[in-house]
Amino acid sequence: MKEGLIIKGYGGFYYVRSGKETWCCRGRGRLRRKQSLLPGDYVQFTPLQKEEGVIEAIEERKNVLRRPPVANVDQVIHVVSLANPEPDLKLLDRSLVICELEQLSVIICFNKIDLLNSERAEELESIYRKAGYHTICISALFGHGMEKLCQALAGKISVLSGPSGAGKSTLLNSMDPNLSLETGEISKKLKRGKHTTRHVLLIPLCDGFVADTPGFSNLELPPMKRVDLACFFPEINEFADQCRFDDCIHLDEPDCAVKNALDKRLISSTRYENYKHLLQEIISKERIY
């Protein structure tokens, strides 16, 4: 048997990368019936003729994402458009909360710096860098900052995420022009991108693999207690244990260390407003559950 990595699944077939070769495989028995195989799975397979094979077993997974469906993810590269369309920081912060829940490392990739003045780009990058996130500013169209991004991808399975129009496919094409991935124009009426990615595909790049996934327009938060949300905002959580009340949710409570840090500009007002927005969503769901 050989060992390999599933880079794509489609129509009951799984494309397994082993070394520099790719094998078109089906799952053996229970694997096929349960349809439990995902891109990112490390598998053992029996080669047949003409680069075809049968997957016999899956190695133990370290994690599994359901949306997008990928296994063994090392990090998430969240692509944010700085202009055309405007950056959606509410969506970004929602995505970051979910990554914190899944205990996934995140790199925030601010794209299209060629369309924005450097001061505004540095301001947005500073918000998230101070919150503890790894940030990179790039222009996928002109290649600026791509070397730093490539270094961050080496040796890892990364999920490329972000809303339509952020430039994910353009970014991948910039790193490997042979990909020739379809890119979407920005809708003039809606000021947002058109979906161009239909299936999860692991692409070999920079000595690692990148999952090009369908664009997200909404990310549902799982059920949680209102007091727990602050744990998933690293800069808010840093001050939360200094509050007078253990169950402080950092809105109107007295002696709130988070509000004090906000007044001192130690916490971004933009991030705090997005925290409140998500908090109200969680409170509304509490009534349902």
Protein backbone atom coordinates (compact mmCIF):
# COMPACT_ATOMS: atom_id res chain seq x y z
CA MET A 1 0.00 0.00 0.00
CA LYS A 2 0.93 3.63 -0.47
CA GLU A 3 0.29 6.67 1.72
CA GLY A 4 -1.09 9.92 0.42
CA LEU A 5 -3.21 13.02 0.98
CA ILE A 6 -6.71 13.50 -0.42
CA ILE A 7 -6.65 16.77 -2.33
CA LYS A 8 -10.17 16.60 -3.81
CA GLY A 9 -13.34 14.55 -3.64
CA TYR A 10 -15.94 14.63 -6.39
CA GLY A 11 -18.68 12.25 -7.54
CA GLY A 12 -17.51 9.37 -5.35
CA PHE A 13 -13.90 9.65 -6.54
CA TYR A 14 -11.03 10.90 -4.38
CA TYR A 15 -7.83 12.31 -5.80
CA VAL A 16 -4.89 11.25 -3.64
CA ARG A 17 -1.52 12.99 -3.83
CA SER A 18 1.43 10.69 -3.12
CA GLY A 19 4.83 12.26 -3.78
CA LYS A 20 4.50 14.01 -7.12
CA GLU A 21 1.80 11.66 -8.41
CA THR A 22 -1.98 11.93 -8.10
CA TRP A 23 -4.14 8.81 -7.99
CA CYS A 24 -7.87 8.65 -8.70
CA CYS A 25 -9.32 6.41 -5.98
CA ARG A 26 -12.54 5.04 -4.61
CA GLY A 27 -13.11 4.22 -0.95
CA ARG A 28 -13.16 0.58 0.09
CA GLY A 29 -16.47 -0.76 1.45
CA ARG A 30 -17.53 1.14 4.57
CA LEU A 31 -15.50 4.20 3.57
CA ARG A 32 -17.51 4.50 0.38
CA ARG A 33 -20.87 3.85 2.06
CA LYS A 34 -20.34 6.35 4.86
CA GLN A 35 -18.82 8.97 2.56
CA SER A 36 -16.52 9.96 5.40
CA LEU A 37 -13.51 10.86 3.29
CA LEU A 38 -12.52 14.54 3.13
CA PRO A 39 -9.86 16.68 1.48
CA GLY A 40 -6.99 16.84 3.96
CA ASP A 41 -7.33 13.21 5.03
CA TYR A 42 -4.10 11.21 5.10
CA VAL A 43 -4.96 7.78 3.75
CA GLN A 44 -3.50 4.41 2.85
CA PHE A 45 -4.43 3.12 -0.59
CA THR A 46 -3.76 0.19 -2.90
CA PRO A 47 -2.57 1.28 -6.37
CA LEU A 48 -4.25 -0.27 -9.40
CA GLN A 49 -3.52 0.27 -13.07
CA LYS A 50 -3.39 3.64 -14.83
CA GLU A 51 -2.98 5.76 -11.66
CA GLU A 52 -6.18 4.42 -10.12
CA GLY A 53 -6.48 2.98 -6.63
CA VAL A 54 -8.62 1.94 -3.69
CA ILE A 55 -8.47 3.73 -0.33
CA GLU A 56 -8.15 1.17 2.44
CA ALA A 57 -7.87 3.28 5.61
CA ILE A 58 -7.83 6.84 7.00
CA GLU A 59 -5.17 7.94 9.44
CA GLU A 60 -6.35 9.57 12.66
CA ARG A 61 -7.43 13.18 12.15
CA LYS A 62 -6.25 16.03 14.33
CA ASN A 63 -9.30 18.14 13.47
CA VAL A 64 -12.24 18.37 11.08
CA LEU A 65 -14.01 21.43 9.70
CA ARG A 66 -17.55 21.02 8.43
CA ARG A 67 -17.89 24.33 6.66
CA PRO A 68 -15.79 24.10 4.58
CA PRO A 69 -15.36 20.30 4.79
CA VAL A 70 -11.60 19.84 5.30
CA ALA A 71 -9.57 17.65 7.65
CA ASN A 72 -6.20 18.17 9.38
CA VAL A 73 -6.12 21.93 8.98
CA ASP A 74 -3.06 23.73 10.38
CA GLN A 75 -4.18 27.31 9.83
CA VAL A 76 -6.76 29.59 8.25
CA ILE A 77 -5.73 32.32 5.82
CA HIS A 78 -8.57 34.82 5.95
CA VAL A 79 -8.42 37.14 2.94
CA VAL A 80 -9.86 40.62 3.45
CA SER A 81 -10.37 43.07 0.62
CA LEU A 82 -9.24 46.57 1.59
CA ALA A 83 -11.25 48.13 -1.24
CA ASN A 84 -13.61 47.12 -4.04
CA PRO A 85 -15.46 45.74 -2.10
CA GLU A 86 -14.97 47.53 1.22
CA PRO A 87 -13.62 45.40 4.09
CA ASP A 88 -16.32 43.55 6.02
CA LEU A 89 -14.87 43.60 9.54
CA LYS A 90 -18.04 42.18 11.10
CA LEU A 91 -17.67 39.10 8.94
CA LEU A 92 -13.95 38.94 9.71
CA ASP A 93 -14.53 39.07 13.48
CA ARG A 94 -17.26 36.44 13.22
CA SER A 95 -14.84 34.19 11.35
CA LEU A 96 -12.12 34.82 13.94
CA VAL A 97 -14.46 33.79 16.77
CA ILE A 98 -15.18 30.50 14.98
CA CYS A 99 -11.45 29.92 14.41
CA GLU A 100 -10.81 30.54 18.11
CA LEU A 101 -13.56 28.02 18.94
CA GLU A 102 -11.89 25.46 16.65
CA GLN A 103 -8.45 26.33 18.12
CA LEU A 104 -7.10 27.15 14.66
CA SER A 105 -4.24 29.53 13.98
CA VAL A 106 -5.20 32.47 11.78
CA ILE A 107 -3.32 34.68 9.36
CA ILE A 108 -5.26 37.76 8.26
CA CYS A 109 -4.28 38.63 4.71
CA PHE A 110 -5.25 42.19 3.76
CA ASN A 111 -5.47 42.24 -0.03
CA LYS A 112 -5.65 45.01 -2.65
CA ILE A 113 -3.30 47.45 -0.92
CA ASP A 114 -2.75 48.93 -4.36
CA LEU A 115 -6.28 50.40 -4.13
CA LEU A 116 -5.88 52.09 -0.74
CA ASN A 117 -3.57 54.66 0.81
CA SER A 118 -0.94 53.17 3.10
CA GLU A 119 -2.21 54.96 6.24
CA ARG A 120 -5.63 53.32 6.07
CA ALA A 121 -4.10 49.90 5.38
CA GLU A 122 -1.74 50.29 8.34
CA GLU A 123 -4.64 51.38 10.57
CA LEU A 124 -6.67 48.26 9.80
CA GLU A 125 -3.66 45.98 10.08
CA SER A 126 -2.77 47.54 13.44
CA ILE A 127 -6.21 46.73 14.90
CA TYR A 128 -5.70 43.01 14.40
CA ARG A 129 -1.98 42.88 15.03
CA LYS A 130 -2.56 44.47 18.46
CA ALA A 131 -5.29 41.88 19.09
CA GLY A 132 -2.61 39.20 18.68
CA TYR A 133 -3.19 38.06 15.10
CA HIS A 134 -0.57 37.46 12.42
CA THR A 135 -1.26 39.93 9.60
CA ILE A 136 0.14 40.33 6.09
CA CYS A 137 -0.65 43.10 3.60
CA ILE A 138 -0.53 42.06 -0.04
CA SER A 139 -1.53 42.97 -3.55
CA ALA A 140 -2.37 39.67 -5.24
CA LEU A 141 -2.71 41.51 -8.56
CA PHE A 142 0.77 43.05 -8.46
CA GLY A 143 2.57 40.47 -6.29
CA HIS A 144 3.40 42.72 -3.32
CA GLY A 145 3.88 40.79 -0.06
CA MET A 146 3.47 37.37 -1.68
CA GLU A 147 6.89 36.16 -0.50
CA LYS A 148 5.88 36.62 3.15
CA LEU A 149 2.65 34.76 2.54
CA CYS A 150 4.48 31.93 0.81
CA GLN A 151 6.76 31.53 3.82
CA ALA A 152 3.71 31.26 6.08
CA LEU A 153 2.23 28.47 3.94
CA ALA A 154 5.30 26.22 3.86
CA GLY A 155 4.79 22.74 5.27
CA LYS A 156 1.18 23.31 6.33
CA ILE A 157 -2.39 22.60 5.25
CA SER A 158 -4.05 25.99 5.09
CA VAL A 159 -7.69 26.90 4.49
CA LEU A 160 -8.13 29.96 2.33
CA SER A 161 -11.31 31.74 3.38
CA GLY A 162 -13.00 35.08 3.06
CA PRO A 163 -15.98 36.64 1.31
CA SER A 164 -16.47 36.62 -2.44
CA GLY A 165 -14.58 39.40 -4.14
CA ALA A 166 -11.75 39.44 -1.59
CA GLY A 167 -9.37 38.10 -4.23
CA LYS A 168 -8.78 34.51 -3.12
CA SER A 169 -8.59 33.03 -6.63
CA THR A 170 -6.48 35.96 -7.84
CA LEU A 171 -4.12 35.33 -4.93
CA LEU A 172 -3.73 31.67 -5.87
CA ASN A 173 -3.22 32.50 -9.54
CA SER A 174 -0.52 34.99 -8.53
CA MET A 175 1.34 32.31 -6.58
CA ASP A 176 1.01 29.74 -9.37
CA PRO A 177 -0.06 31.14 -12.77
CA ASN A 178 -0.46 27.58 -14.08
CA LEU A 179 -3.59 27.19 -11.95
CA SER A 180 -5.67 29.52 -14.15
CA LEU A 181 -8.45 29.58 -11.56
CA GLU A 182 -11.64 31.42 -12.49
CA THR A 183 -11.92 34.84 -10.87
CA GLY A 184 -15.12 36.79 -10.40
CA GLU A 185 -15.85 40.38 -11.26
CA ILE A 186 -17.30 42.67 -8.61
CA SER A 187 -21.02 43.26 -9.03
CA LYS A 188 -21.49 47.00 -9.67
CA LYS A 189 -25.01 46.87 -8.22
CA LEU A 190 -24.30 44.86 -5.06
CA LYS A 191 -20.65 45.92 -4.57
CA ARG A 192 -19.60 42.36 -3.78
CA GLY A 193 -17.96 39.50 -5.59
CA LYS A 194 -19.48 36.58 -7.42
CA HIS A 195 -18.77 33.06 -6.18
CA THR A 196 -16.20 31.32 -8.38
CA THR A 197 -15.14 28.31 -6.27
CA ARG A 198 -17.53 25.33 -6.21
CA HIS A 199 -15.66 22.50 -4.47
CA VAL A 200 -12.90 22.18 -1.87
CA LEU A 201 -9.57 21.61 -3.58
CA LEU A 202 -6.17 21.26 -1.88
CA ILE A 203 -3.62 23.00 -4.07
CA PRO A 204 0.12 22.30 -3.63
CA LEU A 205 1.78 25.68 -3.04
CA CYS A 206 4.98 26.86 -1.35
CA ASP A 207 5.84 23.35 -0.07
CA GLY A 208 2.41 23.11 1.58
CA PHE A 209 -1.23 22.74 0.58
CA VAL A 210 -3.90 25.43 0.39
CA ALA A 211 -7.62 24.67 0.39
CA ASP A 212 -9.45 26.89 -2.04
CA THR A 213 -13.01 26.86 -0.68
CA PRO A 214 -16.38 28.35 -1.69
CA GLY A 215 -16.71 31.94 -0.51
CA PHE A 216 -18.63 32.68 2.69
CA SER A 217 -21.44 35.18 2.99
CA ASN A 218 -22.54 34.12 6.48
CA LEU A 219 -21.07 32.11 9.35
CA GLU A 220 -23.37 30.78 12.03
CA LEU A 221 -22.12 30.95 15.60
CA PRO A 222 -22.68 27.75 17.60
CA PRO A 223 -24.75 27.93 20.81
CA MET A 224 -22.74 29.44 23.67
CA LYS A 225 -23.25 31.34 26.89
CA ARG A 226 -23.06 35.12 26.72
CA VAL A 227 -20.24 35.20 29.28
CA ASP A 228 -18.10 32.94 27.08
CA LEU A 229 -17.89 35.22 24.03
CA ALA A 230 -15.12 37.39 25.48
CA CYS A 231 -12.86 34.31 25.62
CA PHE A 232 -12.78 34.34 21.82
CA PHE A 233 -11.67 37.99 21.55
CA PRO A 234 -8.04 37.69 22.75
CA GLU A 235 -7.58 41.38 23.61
CA ILE A 236 -10.88 41.49 25.54
CA ASN A 237 -10.13 38.24 27.33
CA GLU A 238 -6.80 39.71 28.45
CA PHE A 239 -8.64 42.19 30.72
CA ALA A 240 -11.79 40.15 31.53
CA ASP A 241 -10.41 38.49 34.68
CA GLN A 242 -9.77 41.96 36.18
CA CYS A 243 -13.48 42.82 36.21
CA ARG A 244 -15.31 43.01 39.56
CA PHE A 245 -17.86 40.35 38.54
CA ASP A 246 -16.95 36.91 37.25
CA ASP A 247 -19.99 36.92 34.95
CA CYS A 248 -19.30 40.39 33.54
CA ILE A 249 -20.21 40.65 29.85
CA HIS A 250 -18.55 44.08 29.51
CA LEU A 251 -21.56 46.21 28.65
CA ASP A 252 -22.82 48.36 31.55
CA GLU A 253 -21.43 46.58 34.62
CA PRO A 254 -19.55 48.69 37.21
CA ASP A 255 -15.77 48.35 37.56
CA CYS A 256 -15.45 46.64 34.19
CA ALA A 257 -11.76 46.34 33.29
CA VAL A 258 -12.62 45.82 29.62
CA LYS A 259 -14.56 49.09 29.41
CA ASN A 260 -11.69 50.80 31.22
CA ALA A 261 -9.21 49.39 28.67
CA LEU A 262 -11.53 50.57 25.89
CA ASP A 263 -11.50 54.11 27.30
CA LYS A 264 -7.71 54.00 27.34
CA ARG A 265 -7.71 52.80 23.71
CA LEU A 266 -6.03 49.55 24.66
CA ILE A 267 -8.90 47.76 22.90
CA SER A 268 -10.07 48.75 19.43
CA SER A 269 -13.49 50.41 19.43
CA THR A 270 -14.22 48.69 16.10
CA ARG A 271 -13.54 45.26 17.56
CA TYR A 272 -15.56 46.11 20.69
CA GLU A 273 -18.57 47.18 18.61
CA ASN A 274 -18.39 43.92 16.68
CA TYR A 275 -18.15 42.06 20.00
CA LYS A 276 -21.38 43.75 21.13
CA HIS A 277 -23.07 42.86 17.85
CA LEU A 278 -22.20 39.17 18.28
CA LEU A 279 -23.14 39.30 21.96
CA GLN A 280 -26.66 40.48 21.13
CA GLU A 281 -26.96 37.61 18.66
CA ILE A 282 -25.93 35.12 21.36
CA ILE A 283 -28.38 36.63 23.87
CA SER A 284 -31.21 36.32 21.34
CA LYS A 285 -30.35 32.66 20.76
CA GLU A 286 -30.27 31.97 24.50
CA ARG A 287 -34.02 32.59 24.57
CA ILE A 288 -34.49 29.95 21.87
CA TYR A 289 -32.30 27.29 23.44
